Amino acid sequence: MKKLEVFFDYNCPYCLKGHEQLLEILPEYPGLDVIWHPCEISVFKKEQGKETDMCQQAMFFAVENRVDLWKFHKRVYDLIFTEKANTKDIDVLANALKDLLNADALRQALKSGKYVKNVTDANNYAFNVTGVHVVPTYRADDGVLQDRQEFYKMGPTDTGYGGKK
């Protein structure tokens, strides 16, 4: 089974576009195992004062609770880019996701900081282990996909703007 790792930031409009393109071509790759790696590109760019992204923490909650991640991602992107919702507000985020998951349980998990370490570990994996320095980045079978044509072919490369082999 082929594996595709997707490194993304919910606050990145290019990641939204990449998500939409991935949805379009996914039917051409039955059995593809998609592994999601949320990462905060602003952390890599060393912006000061940025909180750990609540949407990314919520994604780890969704994974743990077996929520359909395709629906989850779409909803979060809609919240950020269409509705312009304040996703840093735990109540706003939990209420907006209540049709997909248990909003009260999510609210409690986010208030307790249960998934902060998951986000920190995901950032470390993206930026320090794989060498990602731009999002979205796609890796197939542990190689970096340099551009959209390679994405269509699902073939890894040794070079590219997204990381290292």
C-alpha atoms as a PDB file:
ATOM      1  CA  MET A   1       0.000   0.000   0.000  1.00  0.00           C
ATOM      2  CA  LYS A   2       1.308   3.434  -0.916  1.00  0.00           C
ATOM      3  CA  LYS A   3       1.589   5.977   1.853  1.00  0.00           C
ATOM      4  CA  LEU A   4       1.196   9.729   1.454  1.00  0.00           C
ATOM      5  CA  GLU A   5       2.226  12.031   4.278  1.00  0.00           C
ATOM      6  CA  VAL A   6       0.612  15.475   4.191  1.00  0.00           C
ATOM      7  CA  PHE A   7       2.248  18.319   6.137  1.00  0.00           C
ATOM      8  CA  PHE A   8      -0.136  21.261   6.467  1.00  0.00           C
ATOM      9  CA  ASP A   9      -1.207  24.271   8.492  1.00  0.00           C
ATOM     10  CA  TYR A  10      -4.926  25.049   8.735  1.00  0.00           C
ATOM     11  CA  ASN A  11      -4.140  28.768   8.583  1.00  0.00           C
ATOM     12  CA  CYS A  12      -2.393  28.441   5.210  1.00  0.00           C
ATOM     13  CA  PRO A  13      -4.470  29.204   2.090  1.00  0.00           C
ATOM     14  CA  TYR A  14      -2.085  27.072   0.008  1.00  0.00           C
ATOM     15  CA  CYS A  15      -2.817  24.118   2.281  1.00  0.00           C
ATOM     16  CA  LEU A  16      -6.534  24.638   1.674  1.00  0.00           C
ATOM     17  CA  LYS A  17      -5.909  24.555  -2.089  1.00  0.00           C
ATOM     18  CA  GLY A  18      -3.707  21.476  -1.716  1.00  0.00           C
ATOM     19  CA  HIS A  19      -6.446  19.761   0.282  1.00  0.00           C
ATOM     20  CA  GLU A  20      -8.987  20.502  -2.440  1.00  0.00           C
ATOM     21  CA  GLN A  21      -6.621  19.157  -5.127  1.00  0.00           C
ATOM     22  CA  LEU A  22      -5.914  16.045  -3.092  1.00  0.00           C
ATOM     23  CA  LEU A  23      -9.653  15.388  -2.834  1.00  0.00           C
ATOM     24  CA  GLU A  24      -9.927  15.686  -6.628  1.00  0.00           C
ATOM     25  CA  ILE A  25      -7.216  13.160  -7.436  1.00  0.00           C
ATOM     26  CA  LEU A  26      -7.645  10.732  -4.552  1.00  0.00           C
ATOM     27  CA  PRO A  27     -10.081   8.476  -6.457  1.00  0.00           C
ATOM     28  CA  GLU A  28      -7.222   7.721  -8.878  1.00  0.00           C
ATOM     29  CA  TYR A  29      -5.283   6.102  -6.007  1.00  0.00           C
ATOM     30  CA  PRO A  30      -7.477   3.521  -4.310  1.00  0.00           C
ATOM     31  CA  GLY A  31      -5.949   2.143  -1.141  1.00  0.00           C
ATOM     32  CA  LEU A  32      -3.682   5.145  -0.619  1.00  0.00           C
ATOM     33  CA  ASP A  33      -2.929   5.584   3.077  1.00  0.00           C
ATOM     34  CA  VAL A  34      -3.009   9.333   3.871  1.00  0.00           C
ATOM     35  CA  ILE A  35      -1.186  10.350   7.044  1.00  0.00           C
ATOM     36  CA  TRP A  36      -1.881  13.867   8.285  1.00  0.00           C
ATOM     37  CA  HIS A  37       0.841  15.956   9.942  1.00  0.00           C
ATOM     38  CA  PRO A  38      -0.406  19.330  11.116  1.00  0.00           C
ATOM     39  CA  CYS A  39       2.431  21.769  11.674  1.00  0.00           C
ATOM     40  CA  GLU A  40       2.536  25.454  12.488  1.00  0.00           C
ATOM     41  CA  ILE A  41       4.630  27.118   9.805  1.00  0.00           C
ATOM     42  CA  SER A  42       4.842  30.260  11.964  1.00  0.00           C
ATOM     43  CA  VAL A  43       6.711  28.226  14.586  1.00  0.00           C
ATOM     44  CA  PHE A  44       9.269  27.276  11.943  1.00  0.00           C
ATOM     45  CA  LYS A  45       9.535  30.928  10.913  1.00  0.00           C
ATOM     46  CA  LYS A  46      10.105  31.717  14.596  1.00  0.00           C
ATOM     47  CA  GLU A  47       7.241  34.147  14.976  1.00  0.00           C
ATOM     48  CA  GLN A  48       6.973  35.177  18.591  1.00  0.00           C
ATOM     49  CA  GLY A  49       3.854  34.951  20.716  1.00  0.00           C
ATOM     50  CA  LYS A  50       1.978  32.393  18.610  1.00  0.00           C
ATOM     51  CA  GLU A  51      -0.184  30.053  20.636  1.00  0.00           C
ATOM     52  CA  THR A  52      -0.380  26.382  19.829  1.00  0.00           C
ATOM     53  CA  ASP A  53      -3.054  26.155  17.156  1.00  0.00           C
ATOM     54  CA  MET A  54      -6.393  25.031  18.640  1.00  0.00           C
ATOM     55  CA  CYS A  55      -7.470  23.556  15.296  1.00  0.00           C
ATOM     56  CA  GLN A  56      -4.452  21.296  15.247  1.00  0.00           C
ATOM     57  CA  GLN A  57      -5.109  20.225  18.805  1.00  0.00           C
ATOM     58  CA  ALA A  58      -8.711  19.524  17.794  1.00  0.00           C
ATOM     59  CA  MET A  59      -7.457  17.373  14.919  1.00  0.00           C
ATOM     60  CA  PHE A  60      -5.644  15.115  17.380  1.00  0.00           C
ATOM     61  CA  PHE A  61      -8.882  14.871  19.361  1.00  0.00           C
ATOM     62  CA  ALA A  62     -10.695  13.947  16.129  1.00  0.00           C
ATOM     63  CA  VAL A  63      -8.119  11.244  15.343  1.00  0.00           C
ATOM     64  CA  GLU A  64      -8.402   9.789  18.836  1.00  0.00           C
ATOM     65  CA  ASN A  65     -12.198   9.744  18.519  1.00  0.00           C
ATOM     66  CA  ARG A  66     -12.225   8.279  15.007  1.00  0.00           C
ATOM     67  CA  VAL A  67     -13.857  11.299  13.386  1.00  0.00           C
ATOM     68  CA  ASP A  68     -13.828  11.386   9.562  1.00  0.00           C
ATOM     69  CA  LEU A  69     -10.770  13.569   8.960  1.00  0.00           C
ATOM     70  CA  TRP A  70     -11.812  14.584   5.458  1.00  0.00           C
ATOM     71  CA  LYS A  71     -14.992  16.123   6.883  1.00  0.00           C
ATOM     72  CA  PHE A  72     -13.070  17.552   9.821  1.00  0.00           C
ATOM     73  CA  HIS A  73     -10.466  19.252   7.597  1.00  0.00           C
ATOM     74  CA  LYS A  74     -13.148  20.701   5.324  1.00  0.00           C
ATOM     75  CA  ARG A  75     -15.064  22.078   8.299  1.00  0.00           C
ATOM     76  CA  VAL A  76     -11.974  23.688   9.825  1.00  0.00           C
ATOM     77  CA  TYR A  77     -10.905  25.244   6.519  1.00  0.00           C
ATOM     78  CA  ASP A  78     -14.460  26.595   6.087  1.00  0.00           C
ATOM     79  CA  LEU A  79     -14.345  28.057   9.589  1.00  0.00           C
ATOM     80  CA  ILE A  80     -11.078  29.846   8.917  1.00  0.00           C
ATOM     81  CA  PHE A  81     -11.391  30.950   5.295  1.00  0.00           C
ATOM     82  CA  THR A  82     -15.124  31.242   4.647  1.00  0.00           C
ATOM     83  CA  GLU A  83     -16.694  32.035   8.006  1.00  0.00           C
ATOM     84  CA  LYS A  84     -13.668  33.908   9.406  1.00  0.00           C
ATOM     85  CA  ALA A  85     -14.439  32.345  12.801  1.00  0.00           C
ATOM     86  CA  ASN A  86     -12.177  32.952  15.771  1.00  0.00           C
ATOM     87  CA  THR A  87     -10.778  29.403  15.980  1.00  0.00           C
ATOM     88  CA  LYS A  88      -8.486  30.433  18.832  1.00  0.00           C
ATOM     89  CA  ASP A  89     -11.604  30.645  21.000  1.00  0.00           C
ATOM     90  CA  ILE A  90     -12.239  27.173  22.401  1.00  0.00           C
ATOM     91  CA  ASP A  91     -15.998  27.664  22.685  1.00  0.00           C
ATOM     92  CA  VAL A  92     -16.310  28.959  19.125  1.00  0.00           C
ATOM     93  CA  LEU A  93     -14.274  26.046  17.775  1.00  0.00           C
ATOM     94  CA  ALA A  94     -16.051  23.370  19.819  1.00  0.00           C
ATOM     95  CA  ASN A  95     -19.511  24.694  18.929  1.00  0.00           C
ATOM     96  CA  ALA A  96     -18.606  24.872  15.241  1.00  0.00           C
ATOM     97  CA  LEU A  97     -17.495  21.210  15.250  1.00  0.00           C
ATOM     98  CA  LYS A  98     -20.442  19.828  17.235  1.00  0.00           C
ATOM     99  CA  ASP A  99     -21.942  18.141  14.166  1.00  0.00           C
ATOM    100  CA  LEU A 100     -18.759  16.031  13.796  1.00  0.00           C
ATOM    101  CA  LEU A 101     -17.745  15.272  17.381  1.00  0.00           C
ATOM    102  CA  ASN A 102     -18.610  15.623  21.041  1.00  0.00           C
ATOM    103  CA  ALA A 103     -18.222  19.377  21.546  1.00  0.00           C
ATOM    104  CA  ASP A 104     -18.197  19.195  25.361  1.00  0.00           C
ATOM    105  CA  ALA A 105     -15.452  16.562  25.372  1.00  0.00           C
ATOM    106  CA  LEU A 106     -13.432  18.599  22.851  1.00  0.00           C
ATOM    107  CA  ARG A 107     -13.885  21.747  24.927  1.00  0.00           C
ATOM    108  CA  GLN A 108     -12.642  19.946  28.036  1.00  0.00           C
ATOM    109  CA  ALA A 109      -9.645  18.438  26.223  1.00  0.00           C
ATOM    110  CA  LEU A 110      -8.610  21.801  24.753  1.00  0.00           C
ATOM    111  CA  LYS A 111      -8.991  23.621  28.074  1.00  0.00           C
ATOM    112  CA  SER A 112      -6.833  20.999  29.772  1.00  0.00           C
ATOM    113  CA  GLY A 113      -4.107  21.254  27.128  1.00  0.00           C
ATOM    114  CA  LYS A 114      -4.301  17.523  26.488  1.00  0.00           C
ATOM    115  CA  TYR A 115      -3.069  17.801  22.876  1.00  0.00           C
ATOM    116  CA  VAL A 116      -0.450  20.562  23.187  1.00  0.00           C
ATOM    117  CA  LYS A 117       2.357  17.998  23.258  1.00  0.00           C
ATOM    118  CA  ASN A 118       0.934  16.333  20.136  1.00  0.00           C
ATOM    119  CA  VAL A 119       1.201  19.634  18.263  1.00  0.00           C
ATOM    120  CA  THR A 120       4.704  20.268  19.611  1.00  0.00           C
ATOM    121  CA  ASP A 121       5.775  16.759  18.577  1.00  0.00           C
ATOM    122  CA  ALA A 122       4.188  17.212  15.125  1.00  0.00           C
ATOM    123  CA  ASN A 123       6.085  20.476  14.663  1.00  0.00           C
ATOM    124  CA  ASN A 124       9.317  18.789  15.694  1.00  0.00           C
ATOM    125  CA  TYR A 125       8.730  15.881  13.297  1.00  0.00           C
ATOM    126  CA  ALA A 126       7.954  18.236  10.414  1.00  0.00           C
ATOM    127  CA  PHE A 127      10.689  20.808  10.870  1.00  0.00           C
ATOM    128  CA  ASN A 128      13.500  18.904  12.584  1.00  0.00           C
ATOM    129  CA  VAL A 129      13.091  15.288  11.491  1.00  0.00           C
ATOM    130  CA  THR A 130      11.805  15.498   7.913  1.00  0.00           C
ATOM    131  CA  GLY A 131      13.118  18.965   7.098  1.00  0.00           C
ATOM    132  CA  VAL A 132       9.819  20.472   5.974  1.00  0.00           C
ATOM    133  CA  HIS A 133      10.133  24.227   5.573  1.00  0.00           C
ATOM    134  CA  VAL A 134       7.034  25.069   3.573  1.00  0.00           C
ATOM    135  CA  VAL A 135       3.441  23.868   3.630  1.00  0.00           C
ATOM    136  CA  PRO A 136       1.769  22.068   2.135  1.00  0.00           C
ATOM    137  CA  THR A 137       4.413  19.395   1.675  1.00  0.00           C
ATOM    138  CA  TYR A 138       3.693  15.869   0.475  1.00  0.00           C
ATOM    139  CA  ARG A 139       5.899  12.843   1.013  1.00  0.00           C
ATOM    140  CA  ALA A 140       5.255   9.546  -0.707  1.00  0.00           C
ATOM    141  CA  ASP A 141       7.059   6.442   0.497  1.00  0.00           C
ATOM    142  CA  ASP A 142       9.434   8.657   2.534  1.00  0.00           C
ATOM    143  CA  GLY A 143      10.455  10.834  -0.429  1.00  0.00           C
ATOM    144  CA  VAL A 144       9.441  14.436  -1.042  1.00  0.00           C
ATOM    145  CA  LEU A 145       7.128  15.301  -3.892  1.00  0.00           C
ATOM    146  CA  GLN A 146       8.569  18.383  -5.494  1.00  0.00           C
ATOM    147  CA  ASP A 147       5.649  19.648  -7.519  1.00  0.00           C
ATOM    148  CA  ARG A 148       2.122  18.910  -8.639  1.00  0.00           C
ATOM    149  CA  GLN A 149       3.239  16.694 -11.540  1.00  0.00           C
ATOM    150  CA  GLU A 150       5.144  14.479  -9.140  1.00  0.00           C
ATOM    151  CA  PHE A 151       2.142  14.538  -6.836  1.00  0.00           C
ATOM    152  CA  TYR A 152       0.063  13.110  -9.677  1.00  0.00           C
ATOM    153  CA  LYS A 153       2.680  10.425 -10.325  1.00  0.00           C
ATOM    154  CA  MET A 154       3.070   9.737  -6.581  1.00  0.00           C
ATOM    155  CA  GLY A 155       6.815   9.454  -7.100  1.00  0.00           C
ATOM    156  CA  PRO A 156       9.415  10.535  -4.525  1.00  0.00           C
ATOM    157  CA  THR A 157      12.367  12.847  -5.242  1.00  0.00           C
ATOM    158  CA  ASP A 158      15.671  13.498  -3.510  1.00  0.00           C
ATOM    159  CA  THR A 159      15.372  17.255  -3.795  1.00  0.00           C
ATOM    160  CA  GLY A 160      12.661  19.816  -3.644  1.00  0.00           C
ATOM    161  CA  TYR A 161      11.299  22.625  -1.604  1.00  0.00           C
ATOM    162  CA  GLY A 162       9.421  20.503   0.890  1.00  0.00           C
ATOM    163  CA  GLY A 163      12.056  18.578   2.780  1.00  0.00           C
ATOM    164  CA  LYS A 164      14.650  15.887   2.375  1.00  0.00           C
ATOM    165  CA  LYS A 165      14.696  12.178   1.722  1.00  0.00           C
END
